Amino acid sequence: MNIKYLGHASFLITSDTGMKIITDPYETGGGLSYGGIKESADIVTVSHDHFDHNNVAAVPGDPQVVRGTAKVKGMEFKSISTYHDEAQGGQRGKNTILCFGVDGVRVCHLGDLGHQLSEGQVAEVGSVDVLLIPVGGYYTIDARVATAVCNQLQPKVVIPMHYKTGKCDFPIAGVEQFLQGKKEVTRLDASEVEFKSGALPPTTQIIVLKPAL
């Protein structure tokens, strides 16, 4: 399976058979200047209804939209209810974690998670191979809490998202704060990376991708 980082919290995940999933499509504007999403998809996942995560209309291909636990086009999606803040949704509402398997690789997209996970939520998430995690803070968990969440879930691969870049003018931190002090970090001069079920790293590796758009 192939993961392509489009920008912000949006990824294009393509299975070996060509099934395409786009996560949290954003709307350009309002502090985001990533290019418009032109990639078509079979399925679009949405973690919550904010403009930088729910622009389903921008995705070509008449995709089926997944916002919670569902079986769609032969794929099973598991949702875990969380919050967008540390006040149990009192500030920014609810957030949905979505976990799903692609070619035997278990992917977990944390959306705009705003707090450390409870023991029950960790158990609900279960085993994770590839963790897509927000690290910028302010609207989501910051570098410190993101590190704690990684320690809770123990994924094979961590891909940071939702951090400040030259195309994101939100008052959030860049990826460097999250990477500070961590040893197993690979910075790719590319927006895509491939994973095989039998060839995942034995210990947690952080992979930083360049936004494609």
N, C-alpha and C. Protein backbone atom coordinates (compact mmCIF):
# COMPACT_ATOMS: atom_id res chain seq x y z
N MET A 1 0.83 -1.19 0.00
CA MET A 1 0.00 0.00 0.00
C MET A 1 0.87 1.25 0.00
N ASN A 2 0.32 2.30 -0.59
CA ASN A 2 1.05 3.55 -0.75
C ASN A 2 0.34 4.66 0.01
N ILE A 3 1.10 5.47 0.74
CA ILE A 3 0.55 6.63 1.43
C ILE A 3 1.17 7.89 0.85
N LYS A 4 0.33 8.79 0.39
CA LYS A 4 0.77 10.07 -0.16
C LYS A 4 0.22 11.19 0.71
N TYR A 5 1.10 12.05 1.21
CA TYR A 5 0.69 13.17 2.05
C TYR A 5 0.28 14.34 1.15
N LEU A 6 -1.00 14.64 1.12
CA LEU A 6 -1.49 15.75 0.31
C LEU A 6 -1.21 17.08 0.99
N GLY A 7 -1.44 17.13 2.30
CA GLY A 7 -1.23 18.34 3.08
C GLY A 7 -2.16 18.39 4.27
N HIS A 8 -1.75 19.11 5.31
CA HIS A 8 -2.51 19.29 6.54
C HIS A 8 -2.82 17.94 7.19
N ALA A 9 -4.05 17.46 7.17
CA ALA A 9 -4.38 16.14 7.73
C ALA A 9 -4.90 15.21 6.65
N SER A 10 -4.63 15.56 5.40
CA SER A 10 -5.17 14.80 4.27
C SER A 10 -4.11 13.92 3.62
N PHE A 11 -4.43 12.65 3.49
CA PHE A 11 -3.56 11.67 2.85
C PHE A 11 -4.35 10.92 1.79
N LEU A 12 -3.66 10.50 0.76
CA LEU A 12 -4.22 9.58 -0.23
C LEU A 12 -3.58 8.22 0.03
N ILE A 13 -4.40 7.25 0.36
CA ILE A 13 -3.92 5.90 0.66
C ILE A 13 -4.42 4.98 -0.45
N THR A 14 -3.51 4.33 -1.14
CA THR A 14 -3.86 3.48 -2.28
C THR A 14 -3.46 2.04 -2.01
N SER A 15 -4.43 1.14 -2.14
CA SER A 15 -4.14 -0.28 -1.90
C SER A 15 -3.46 -0.87 -3.13
N ASP A 16 -2.96 -2.09 -2.97
CA ASP A 16 -2.29 -2.76 -4.08
C ASP A 16 -3.24 -3.05 -5.24
N THR A 17 -4.54 -3.11 -4.94
CA THR A 17 -5.53 -3.36 -5.99
C THR A 17 -6.07 -2.07 -6.60
N GLY A 18 -5.59 -0.92 -6.10
CA GLY A 18 -6.01 0.36 -6.67
C GLY A 18 -7.14 1.07 -5.93
N MET A 19 -7.61 0.51 -4.81
CA MET A 19 -8.62 1.19 -4.00
C MET A 19 -7.99 2.44 -3.39
N LYS A 20 -8.70 3.59 -3.53
CA LYS A 20 -8.14 4.86 -3.07
C LYS A 20 -8.99 5.46 -1.95
N ILE A 21 -8.31 5.83 -0.87
CA ILE A 21 -8.94 6.44 0.29
C ILE A 21 -8.29 7.79 0.52
N ILE A 22 -9.08 8.83 0.67
CA ILE A 22 -8.56 10.15 1.05
C ILE A 22 -9.08 10.49 2.44
N THR A 23 -8.17 10.90 3.32
CA THR A 23 -8.55 11.27 4.68
C THR A 23 -8.69 12.78 4.81
N ASP A 24 -9.67 13.22 5.56
CA ASP A 24 -9.85 14.61 5.98
C ASP A 24 -9.48 15.66 4.90
N PRO A 25 -10.20 15.67 3.79
CA PRO A 25 -9.89 16.66 2.75
C PRO A 25 -10.16 18.09 3.24
N TYR A 26 -9.23 18.97 2.96
CA TYR A 26 -9.31 20.35 3.46
C TYR A 26 -9.90 21.28 2.39
N GLU A 27 -10.32 22.44 2.86
CA GLU A 27 -10.74 23.52 1.95
C GLU A 27 -9.64 24.57 1.93
N THR A 28 -9.16 24.93 0.76
CA THR A 28 -8.12 25.95 0.66
C THR A 28 -8.69 27.31 1.05
N GLY A 29 -7.89 28.08 1.81
CA GLY A 29 -8.34 29.37 2.32
C GLY A 29 -8.40 29.35 3.83
N GLY A 30 -8.66 30.50 4.43
CA GLY A 30 -8.78 30.57 5.87
C GLY A 30 -7.51 30.20 6.61
N GLY A 31 -6.37 30.48 6.00
CA GLY A 31 -5.09 30.13 6.62
C GLY A 31 -4.39 28.96 5.98
N LEU A 32 -5.08 28.25 5.07
CA LEU A 32 -4.46 27.14 4.35
C LEU A 32 -4.30 27.51 2.89
N SER A 33 -3.09 27.37 2.37
CA SER A 33 -2.85 27.66 0.95
C SER A 33 -2.32 26.44 0.21
N TYR A 34 -2.55 25.24 0.76
CA TYR A 34 -2.24 24.02 0.00
C TYR A 34 -3.08 24.02 -1.27
N GLY A 35 -2.58 23.38 -2.30
CA GLY A 35 -3.32 23.30 -3.54
C GLY A 35 -4.60 22.50 -3.38
N GLY A 36 -5.54 22.73 -4.29
CA GLY A 36 -6.79 22.00 -4.26
C GLY A 36 -6.58 20.51 -4.51
N ILE A 37 -7.41 19.69 -3.90
CA ILE A 37 -7.30 18.24 -4.05
C ILE A 37 -7.92 17.82 -5.38
N LYS A 38 -7.10 17.28 -6.25
CA LYS A 38 -7.56 16.84 -7.57
C LYS A 38 -7.63 15.32 -7.69
N GLU A 39 -7.06 14.64 -6.71
CA GLU A 39 -7.02 13.18 -6.74
C GLU A 39 -8.42 12.61 -6.55
N SER A 40 -8.80 11.66 -7.35
CA SER A 40 -10.09 10.99 -7.17
C SER A 40 -9.95 9.93 -6.09
N ALA A 41 -11.07 9.50 -5.53
CA ALA A 41 -11.04 8.50 -4.47
C ALA A 41 -12.29 7.64 -4.52
N ASP A 42 -12.17 6.44 -3.97
CA ASP A 42 -13.32 5.56 -3.81
C ASP A 42 -14.01 5.81 -2.47
N ILE A 43 -13.20 6.19 -1.47
CA ILE A 43 -13.69 6.42 -0.11
C ILE A 43 -13.03 7.68 0.44
N VAL A 44 -13.80 8.47 1.16
CA VAL A 44 -13.26 9.62 1.88
C VAL A 44 -13.63 9.49 3.35
N THR A 45 -12.65 9.65 4.24
CA THR A 45 -12.92 9.62 5.67
C THR A 45 -12.90 11.04 6.22
N VAL A 46 -13.78 11.30 7.19
CA VAL A 46 -13.90 12.62 7.81
C VAL A 46 -13.90 12.44 9.33
N SER A 47 -12.96 13.10 10.00
CA SER A 47 -12.85 12.95 11.45
C SER A 47 -13.79 13.90 12.20
N HIS A 48 -14.11 15.04 11.59
CA HIS A 48 -15.02 16.00 12.22
C HIS A 48 -15.36 17.09 11.20
N ASP A 49 -16.40 17.85 11.50
CA ASP A 49 -16.92 18.80 10.51
C ASP A 49 -16.35 20.21 10.66
N HIS A 50 -15.05 20.35 10.48
CA HIS A 50 -14.43 21.66 10.36
C HIS A 50 -13.89 21.79 8.93
N PHE A 51 -13.82 23.02 8.42
CA PHE A 51 -13.55 23.24 6.99
C PHE A 51 -12.23 22.65 6.53
N ASP A 52 -11.28 22.53 7.45
CA ASP A 52 -9.97 22.00 7.04
C ASP A 52 -9.89 20.47 7.14
N HIS A 53 -11.07 19.84 7.31
CA HIS A 53 -11.10 18.37 7.41
C HIS A 53 -12.28 17.72 6.69
N ASN A 54 -13.26 18.50 6.23
CA ASN A 54 -14.50 17.88 5.73
C ASN A 54 -14.92 18.31 4.34
N ASN A 55 -13.94 18.73 3.52
CA ASN A 55 -14.28 19.23 2.18
C ASN A 55 -14.48 18.07 1.20
N VAL A 56 -15.47 17.25 1.49
CA VAL A 56 -15.75 16.07 0.68
C VAL A 56 -16.07 16.44 -0.76
N ALA A 57 -16.75 17.56 -0.94
CA ALA A 57 -17.17 17.97 -2.28
C ALA A 57 -15.99 18.22 -3.22
N ALA A 58 -14.80 18.44 -2.66
CA ALA A 58 -13.64 18.73 -3.49
C ALA A 58 -13.04 17.47 -4.11
N VAL A 59 -13.43 16.31 -3.62
CA VAL A 59 -12.79 15.06 -4.06
C VAL A 59 -13.54 14.46 -5.25
N PRO A 60 -12.89 14.34 -6.40
CA PRO A 60 -13.53 13.74 -7.58
C PRO A 60 -13.77 12.24 -7.38
N GLY A 61 -14.65 11.71 -8.22
CA GLY A 61 -14.83 10.27 -8.25
C GLY A 61 -16.05 9.75 -7.53
N ASP A 62 -16.92 10.64 -7.03
CA ASP A 62 -18.13 10.23 -6.31
C ASP A 62 -17.81 9.23 -5.20
N PRO A 63 -16.91 9.60 -4.28
CA PRO A 63 -16.50 8.67 -3.24
C PRO A 63 -17.59 8.45 -2.19
N GLN A 64 -17.51 7.31 -1.53
CA GLN A 64 -18.39 7.05 -0.39
C GLN A 64 -17.74 7.64 0.85
N VAL A 65 -18.53 8.32 1.67
CA VAL A 65 -17.99 9.05 2.82
C VAL A 65 -18.14 8.22 4.09
N VAL A 66 -17.04 8.13 4.84
CA VAL A 66 -17.03 7.39 6.11
C VAL A 66 -16.76 8.37 7.24
N ARG A 67 -17.68 8.42 8.21
CA ARG A 67 -17.53 9.29 9.37
C ARG A 67 -17.53 8.51 10.68
N GLY A 68 -17.72 7.20 10.58
CA GLY A 68 -17.76 6.37 11.78
C GLY A 68 -17.57 4.91 11.40
N THR A 69 -17.83 4.02 12.34
CA THR A 69 -17.67 2.59 12.09
C THR A 69 -18.55 2.17 10.91
N ALA A 70 -17.95 1.50 9.93
CA ALA A 70 -18.70 1.14 8.73
C ALA A 70 -17.92 0.09 7.95
N LYS A 71 -18.65 -0.65 7.11
CA LYS A 71 -18.03 -1.53 6.13
C LYS A 71 -18.38 -0.98 4.76
N VAL A 72 -17.37 -0.55 4.03
CA VAL A 72 -17.57 0.15 2.76
C VAL A 72 -16.67 -0.47 1.70
N LYS A 73 -17.27 -0.89 0.59
CA LYS A 73 -16.52 -1.42 -0.54
C LYS A 73 -15.55 -2.52 -0.11
N GLY A 74 -16.02 -3.35 0.81
CA GLY A 74 -15.21 -4.47 1.28
C GLY A 74 -14.20 -4.13 2.36
N MET A 75 -14.14 -2.86 2.76
CA MET A 75 -13.19 -2.43 3.79
C MET A 75 -13.93 -2.11 5.08
N GLU A 76 -13.31 -2.47 6.20
CA GLU A 76 -13.92 -2.21 7.50
C GLU A 76 -13.23 -1.04 8.18
N PHE A 77 -14.04 -0.09 8.62
CA PHE A 77 -13.55 1.10 9.33
C PHE A 77 -14.07 1.07 10.76
N LYS A 78 -13.18 1.25 11.70
CA LYS A 78 -13.55 1.28 13.11
C LYS A 78 -13.35 2.69 13.64
N SER A 79 -14.35 3.23 14.31
CA SER A 79 -14.25 4.59 14.84
C SER A 79 -14.17 4.55 16.36
N ILE A 80 -13.42 5.49 16.90
CA ILE A 80 -13.31 5.68 18.35
C ILE A 80 -13.64 7.13 18.63
N SER A 81 -14.63 7.36 19.46
CA SER A 81 -15.08 8.72 19.77
C SER A 81 -14.11 9.39 20.75
N THR A 82 -13.66 10.57 20.36
CA THR A 82 -12.74 11.36 21.20
C THR A 82 -13.19 12.82 21.15
N TYR A 83 -12.32 13.71 21.64
CA TYR A 83 -12.66 15.13 21.65
C TYR A 83 -11.57 15.96 20.96
N HIS A 84 -12.00 17.13 20.51
CA HIS A 84 -11.13 18.07 19.80
C HIS A 84 -10.36 18.94 20.79
N ASP A 85 -10.56 18.75 22.08
CA ASP A 85 -9.94 19.58 23.09
C ASP A 85 -9.84 18.81 24.40
N GLU A 86 -9.30 19.45 25.42
CA GLU A 86 -9.15 18.80 26.73
C GLU A 86 -10.34 19.05 27.64
N ALA A 87 -11.40 19.70 27.11
CA ALA A 87 -12.58 20.02 27.90
C ALA A 87 -13.76 19.16 27.47
N GLN A 88 -13.47 17.93 27.05
CA GLN A 88 -14.51 16.98 26.61
C GLN A 88 -15.43 17.58 25.55
N GLY A 89 -14.82 18.29 24.61
CA GLY A 89 -15.55 18.87 23.50
C GLY A 89 -16.16 20.23 23.79
N GLY A 90 -15.95 20.75 24.98
CA GLY A 90 -16.56 22.03 25.35
C GLY A 90 -16.05 23.21 24.56
N GLN A 91 -14.85 23.08 23.99
CA GLN A 91 -14.25 24.19 23.23
C GLN A 91 -14.41 24.01 21.73
N ARG A 92 -14.14 22.79 21.23
CA ARG A 92 -14.14 22.58 19.77
C ARG A 92 -14.96 21.38 19.33
N GLY A 93 -15.64 20.74 20.23
CA GLY A 93 -16.51 19.64 19.85
C GLY A 93 -15.84 18.28 19.85
N LYS A 94 -16.46 17.36 19.17
CA LYS A 94 -16.00 15.98 19.15
C LYS A 94 -15.05 15.71 17.99
N ASN A 95 -14.31 14.63 18.12
CA ASN A 95 -13.38 14.19 17.08
C ASN A 95 -13.49 12.67 16.98
N THR A 96 -13.34 12.16 15.77
CA THR A 96 -13.42 10.71 15.57
C THR A 96 -12.09 10.17 15.06
N ILE A 97 -11.55 9.20 15.79
CA ILE A 97 -10.39 8.43 15.31
C ILE A 97 -10.92 7.35 14.39
N LEU A 98 -10.27 7.14 13.26
CA LEU A 98 -10.67 6.09 12.34
C LEU A 98 -9.51 5.14 12.09
N CYS A 99 -9.76 3.86 12.28
CA CYS A 99 -8.77 2.81 12.06
C CYS A 99 -9.26 1.86 10.97
N PHE A 100 -8.36 1.45 10.09
CA PHE A 100 -8.74 0.55 9.00
C PHE A 100 -7.51 -0.17 8.47
N GLY A 101 -7.74 -1.31 7.86
CA GLY A 101 -6.64 -2.10 7.32
C GLY A 101 -6.56 -1.99 5.81
N VAL A 102 -5.35 -1.85 5.30
CA VAL A 102 -5.10 -1.81 3.86
C VAL A 102 -3.97 -2.78 3.55
N ASP A 103 -4.26 -3.83 2.81
CA ASP A 103 -3.24 -4.81 2.43
C ASP A 103 -2.51 -5.39 3.65
N GLY A 104 -3.27 -5.61 4.73
CA GLY A 104 -2.68 -6.18 5.92
C GLY A 104 -1.95 -5.20 6.81
N VAL A 105 -1.96 -3.91 6.46
CA VAL A 105 -1.33 -2.86 7.25
C VAL A 105 -2.44 -2.07 7.96
N ARG A 106 -2.37 -1.99 9.28
CA ARG A 106 -3.42 -1.31 10.04
C ARG A 106 -3.07 0.16 10.21
N VAL A 107 -3.93 1.01 9.66
CA VAL A 107 -3.72 2.47 9.67
C VAL A 107 -4.66 3.11 10.68
N CYS A 108 -4.15 4.10 11.41
CA CYS A 108 -4.97 4.84 12.37
C CYS A 108 -4.78 6.33 12.13
N HIS A 109 -5.88 7.02 11.79
CA HIS A 109 -5.87 8.47 11.58
C HIS A 109 -6.54 9.12 12.78
N LEU A 110 -5.78 9.95 13.50
CA LEU A 110 -6.27 10.51 14.76
C LEU A 110 -7.10 11.78 14.58
N GLY A 111 -7.24 12.28 13.35
CA GLY A 111 -8.02 13.49 13.15
C GLY A 111 -7.43 14.65 13.94
N ASP A 112 -8.31 15.46 14.53
CA ASP A 112 -7.86 16.58 15.37
C ASP A 112 -7.97 16.21 16.84
N LEU A 113 -7.32 15.13 17.21
CA LEU A 113 -7.33 14.71 18.61
C LEU A 113 -6.81 15.83 19.50
N GLY A 114 -7.53 16.10 20.59
CA GLY A 114 -7.16 17.23 21.45
C GLY A 114 -6.74 16.84 22.85
N HIS A 115 -6.50 15.56 23.10
CA HIS A 115 -6.17 15.12 24.47
C HIS A 115 -5.45 13.78 24.42
N GLN A 116 -4.81 13.43 25.52
CA GLN A 116 -4.20 12.11 25.63
C GLN A 116 -5.32 11.07 25.72
N LEU A 117 -5.05 9.88 25.26
CA LEU A 117 -6.07 8.83 25.23
C LEU A 117 -6.23 8.18 26.59
N SER A 118 -7.46 7.77 26.88
CA SER A 118 -7.72 6.99 28.09
C SER A 118 -7.31 5.54 27.84
N GLU A 119 -7.24 4.76 28.90
CA GLU A 119 -6.90 3.35 28.74
C GLU A 119 -7.94 2.65 27.87
N GLY A 120 -9.20 3.02 28.06
CA GLY A 120 -10.26 2.43 27.25
C GLY A 120 -10.14 2.75 25.79
N GLN A 121 -9.76 3.99 25.47
CA GLN A 121 -9.59 4.39 24.07
C GLN A 121 -8.40 3.69 23.45
N VAL A 122 -7.34 3.53 24.20
CA VAL A 122 -6.17 2.80 23.70
C VAL A 122 -6.56 1.36 23.36
N ALA A 123 -7.36 0.76 24.24
CA ALA A 123 -7.81 -0.62 24.00
C ALA A 123 -8.70 -0.68 22.77
N GLU A 124 -9.56 0.32 22.58
CA GLU A 124 -10.44 0.36 21.40
C GLU A 124 -9.64 0.48 20.12
N VAL A 125 -8.62 1.32 20.13
CA VAL A 125 -7.77 1.48 18.93
C VAL A 125 -7.07 0.17 18.61
N GLY A 126 -6.51 -0.47 19.61
CA GLY A 126 -5.84 -1.74 19.41
C GLY A 126 -4.50 -1.60 18.70
N SER A 127 -4.14 -2.61 17.95
CA SER A 127 -2.85 -2.65 17.28
C SER A 127 -2.79 -1.64 16.13
N VAL A 128 -1.68 -0.91 16.04
CA VAL A 128 -1.50 0.09 14.98
C VAL A 128 -0.17 -0.13 14.28
N ASP A 129 -0.21 -0.19 12.97
CA ASP A 129 1.03 -0.24 12.19
C ASP A 129 1.49 1.16 11.79
N VAL A 130 0.58 1.93 11.21
CA VAL A 130 0.91 3.29 10.74
C VAL A 130 -0.02 4.28 11.43
N LEU A 131 0.57 5.19 12.19
CA LEU A 131 -0.19 6.19 12.94
C LEU A 131 -0.04 7.56 12.30
N LEU A 132 -1.16 8.16 11.90
CA LEU A 132 -1.19 9.51 11.34
C LEU A 132 -1.63 10.44 12.47
N ILE A 133 -0.71 11.27 12.96
CA ILE A 133 -0.94 11.97 14.22
C ILE A 133 -0.70 13.48 14.12
N PRO A 134 -1.64 14.29 14.64
CA PRO A 134 -1.43 15.74 14.67
C PRO A 134 -0.40 16.09 15.74
N VAL A 135 0.46 17.05 15.43
CA VAL A 135 1.54 17.38 16.38
C VAL A 135 1.69 18.89 16.62
N GLY A 136 0.88 19.72 15.96
CA GLY A 136 1.10 21.16 15.98
C GLY A 136 0.62 21.90 17.20
N GLY A 137 -0.27 21.29 17.98
CA GLY A 137 -0.78 21.98 19.17
C GLY A 137 -1.82 23.04 18.85
N TYR A 138 -2.23 23.76 19.86
CA TYR A 138 -3.23 24.83 19.83
C TYR A 138 -4.63 24.28 19.53
N TYR A 139 -4.86 23.78 18.32
CA TYR A 139 -6.14 23.17 17.98
C TYR A 139 -6.16 21.67 18.29
N THR A 140 -4.99 21.09 18.43
CA THR A 140 -4.86 19.64 18.62
C THR A 140 -3.84 19.38 19.73
N ILE A 141 -3.53 18.11 19.94
CA ILE A 141 -2.44 17.79 20.85
C ILE A 141 -1.14 18.41 20.33
N ASP A 142 -0.27 18.76 21.28
CA ASP A 142 1.01 19.35 20.91
C ASP A 142 2.09 18.27 20.89
N ALA A 143 3.34 18.69 20.72
CA ALA A 143 4.44 17.74 20.58
C ALA A 143 4.56 16.83 21.80
N ARG A 144 4.39 17.39 23.00
CA ARG A 144 4.54 16.60 24.22
C ARG A 144 3.46 15.53 24.32
N VAL A 145 2.21 15.93 24.11
CA VAL A 145 1.11 14.97 24.23
C VAL A 145 1.14 13.98 23.07
N ALA A 146 1.52 14.45 21.87
CA ALA A 146 1.63 13.54 20.73
C ALA A 146 2.66 12.45 21.01
N THR A 147 3.75 12.82 21.66
CA THR A 147 4.76 11.83 22.04
C THR A 147 4.17 10.82 23.02
N ALA A 148 3.39 11.30 23.97
CA ALA A 148 2.74 10.42 24.95
C ALA A 148 1.76 9.47 24.25
N VAL A 149 1.01 9.97 23.28
CA VAL A 149 0.06 9.13 22.55
C VAL A 149 0.79 8.06 21.74
N CYS A 150 1.91 8.43 21.14
CA CYS A 150 2.72 7.43 20.42
C CYS A 150 3.19 6.34 21.38
N ASN A 151 3.59 6.74 22.57
CA ASN A 151 4.02 5.76 23.57
C ASN A 151 2.86 4.87 24.00
N GLN A 152 1.66 5.43 24.03
CA GLN A 152 0.48 4.64 24.39
C GLN A 152 0.16 3.59 23.32
N LEU A 153 0.22 4.00 22.06
CA LEU A 153 -0.23 3.12 20.97
C LEU A 153 0.86 2.23 20.39
N GLN A 154 2.12 2.63 20.56
CA GLN A 154 3.26 1.82 20.11
C GLN A 154 3.14 1.39 18.64
N PRO A 155 2.92 2.33 17.74
CA PRO A 155 2.83 1.97 16.31
C PRO A 155 4.19 1.60 15.74
N LYS A 156 4.17 0.93 14.60
CA LYS A 156 5.42 0.62 13.91
C LYS A 156 5.97 1.87 13.22
N VAL A 157 5.06 2.68 12.66
CA VAL A 157 5.43 3.88 11.92
C VAL A 157 4.57 5.04 12.38
N VAL A 158 5.19 6.21 12.56
CA VAL A 158 4.47 7.44 12.89
C VAL A 158 4.69 8.44 11.76
N ILE A 159 3.59 8.99 11.23
CA ILE A 159 3.69 10.05 10.23
C ILE A 159 3.00 11.29 10.81
N PRO A 160 3.78 12.35 11.10
CA PRO A 160 3.19 13.57 11.65
C PRO A 160 2.34 14.31 10.63
N MET A 161 1.32 15.02 11.13
CA MET A 161 0.44 15.83 10.28
C MET A 161 -0.06 17.02 11.10
N HIS A 162 -0.80 17.89 10.44
CA HIS A 162 -1.45 19.03 11.12
C HIS A 162 -0.44 19.86 11.91
N TYR A 163 0.58 20.33 11.20
CA TYR A 163 1.57 21.21 11.79
C TYR A 163 1.83 22.39 10.84
N LYS A 164 2.47 23.40 11.36
CA LYS A 164 2.69 24.62 10.58
C LYS A 164 3.70 24.38 9.47
N THR A 165 3.36 24.85 8.27
CA THR A 165 4.27 24.81 7.13
C THR A 165 4.17 26.15 6.41
N GLY A 166 4.89 26.28 5.32
CA GLY A 166 4.79 27.50 4.52
C GLY A 166 3.41 27.68 3.91
N LYS A 167 2.60 26.62 3.90
CA LYS A 167 1.25 26.70 3.34
C LYS A 167 0.17 26.56 4.40
N CYS A 168 0.57 26.60 5.65
CA CYS A 168 -0.40 26.58 6.75
C CYS A 168 -0.07 27.72 7.69
N ASP A 169 -0.97 28.69 7.75
CA ASP A 169 -0.73 29.91 8.53
C ASP A 169 -1.45 29.86 9.88
N PHE A 170 -1.87 28.69 10.29
CA PHE A 170 -2.52 28.56 11.60
C PHE A 170 -1.51 28.85 12.72
N PRO A 171 -1.98 29.27 13.89
CA PRO A 171 -1.06 29.55 15.02
C PRO A 171 -0.63 28.27 15.72
N ILE A 172 -0.01 27.37 14.97
CA ILE A 172 0.41 26.09 15.51
C ILE A 172 1.91 25.93 15.30
N ALA A 173 2.50 24.92 15.93
CA ALA A 173 3.94 24.69 15.84
C ALA A 173 4.29 23.88 14.60
N GLY A 174 5.52 23.99 14.18
CA GLY A 174 6.02 23.16 13.09
C GLY A 174 6.34 21.76 13.60
N VAL A 175 6.80 20.91 12.72
CA VAL A 175 7.05 19.52 13.07
C VAL A 175 8.30 19.35 13.94
N GLU A 176 9.20 20.34 13.93
CA GLU A 176 10.48 20.18 14.62
C GLU A 176 10.33 19.95 16.12
N GLN A 177 9.35 20.59 16.75
CA GLN A 177 9.16 20.40 18.19
C GLN A 177 8.86 18.93 18.50
N PHE A 178 8.08 18.29 17.65
CA PHE A 178 7.76 16.88 17.85
C PHE A 178 8.98 15.99 17.63
N LEU A 179 9.81 16.35 16.67
CA LEU A 179 10.97 15.52 16.32
C LEU A 179 12.12 15.67 17.31
N GLN A 180 12.14 16.75 18.06
CA GLN A 180 13.25 17.05 18.94
C GLN A 180 13.53 15.91 19.92
N GLY A 181 14.79 15.46 19.94
CA GLY A 181 15.19 14.42 20.88
C GLY A 181 14.87 13.00 20.45
N LYS A 182 14.20 12.85 19.32
CA LYS A 182 13.84 11.51 18.84
C LYS A 182 14.90 11.01 17.86
N LYS A 183 15.26 9.75 17.97
CA LYS A 183 16.36 9.21 17.19
C LYS A 183 15.93 8.56 15.88
N GLU A 184 14.85 7.81 15.92
CA GLU A 184 14.45 7.03 14.74
C GLU A 184 13.57 7.88 13.82
N VAL A 185 14.19 8.86 13.17
CA VAL A 185 13.47 9.81 12.30
C VAL A 185 14.03 9.74 10.90
N THR A 186 13.14 9.60 9.92
CA THR A 186 13.53 9.63 8.51
C THR A 186 12.76 10.76 7.83
N ARG A 187 13.49 11.70 7.25
CA ARG A 187 12.87 12.79 6.51
C ARG A 187 12.99 12.47 5.02
N LEU A 188 11.86 12.24 4.39
CA LEU A 188 11.88 11.91 2.98
C LEU A 188 11.72 13.16 2.13
N ASP A 189 12.50 13.24 1.07
CA ASP A 189 12.35 14.34 0.11
C ASP A 189 11.29 13.93 -0.91
N ALA A 190 10.15 13.51 -0.39
CA ALA A 190 9.07 12.98 -1.23
C ALA A 190 7.78 13.06 -0.43
N SER A 191 6.67 12.95 -1.13
CA SER A 191 5.36 13.00 -0.47
C SER A 191 4.76 11.62 -0.29
N GLU A 192 5.43 10.59 -0.83
CA GLU A 192 4.86 9.24 -0.81
C GLU A 192 5.80 8.23 -0.18
N VAL A 193 5.20 7.19 0.39
CA VAL A 193 5.97 6.10 0.95
C VAL A 193 5.14 4.82 0.83
N GLU A 194 5.81 3.70 0.63
CA GLU A 194 5.11 2.43 0.50
C GLU A 194 5.38 1.54 1.71
N PHE A 195 4.37 0.75 2.07
CA PHE A 195 4.51 -0.18 3.18
C PHE A 195 4.01 -1.56 2.76
N LYS A 196 4.69 -2.58 3.27
CA LYS A 196 4.27 -3.96 3.06
C LYS A 196 4.04 -4.60 4.43
N SER A 197 3.01 -5.41 4.51
CA SER A 197 2.63 -6.00 5.78
C SER A 197 3.78 -6.76 6.45
N GLY A 198 4.56 -7.47 5.69
CA GLY A 198 5.62 -8.28 6.27
C GLY A 198 6.95 -7.58 6.40
N ALA A 199 6.99 -6.27 6.09
CA ALA A 199 8.27 -5.56 6.07
C ALA A 199 8.21 -4.26 6.85
N LEU A 200 7.45 -4.26 7.94
CA LEU A 200 7.36 -3.07 8.79
C LEU A 200 8.49 -3.07 9.81
N PRO A 201 8.94 -1.90 10.25
CA PRO A 201 10.05 -1.86 11.21
C PRO A 201 9.68 -2.51 12.55
N PRO A 202 10.65 -3.12 13.23
CA PRO A 202 10.36 -3.80 14.50
C PRO A 202 10.11 -2.84 15.66
N THR A 203 10.67 -1.63 15.58
CA THR A 203 10.43 -0.60 16.60
C THR A 203 9.93 0.67 15.91
N THR A 204 9.34 1.55 16.67
CA THR A 204 8.68 2.73 16.11
C THR A 204 9.64 3.62 15.33
N GLN A 205 9.26 3.91 14.10
CA GLN A 205 10.02 4.82 13.23
C GLN A 205 9.13 6.01 12.88
N ILE A 206 9.69 7.20 12.88
CA ILE A 206 8.98 8.41 12.47
C ILE A 206 9.39 8.74 11.04
N ILE A 207 8.39 8.92 10.17
CA ILE A 207 8.66 9.28 8.79
C ILE A 207 7.99 10.63 8.51
N VAL A 208 8.78 11.61 8.10
CA VAL A 208 8.27 12.93 7.76
C VAL A 208 8.16 13.04 6.25
N LEU A 209 6.94 13.26 5.77
CA LEU A 209 6.71 13.40 4.34
C LEU A 209 6.53 14.86 3.95
N LYS A 210 6.88 15.19 2.73
CA LYS A 210 6.64 16.54 2.20
C LYS A 210 5.23 16.62 1.65
N PRO A 211 4.47 17.65 2.03
CA PRO A 211 3.12 17.79 1.43
C PRO A 211 3.21 17.87 -0.08
N ALA A 212 2.35 17.13 -0.75
CA ALA A 212 2.37 17.09 -2.22
C ALA A 212 1.75 18.33 -2.83
N LEU A 213 0.82 18.95 -2.10
CA LEU A 213 0.08 20.07 -2.65
C LEU A 213 0.46 21.39 -1.99
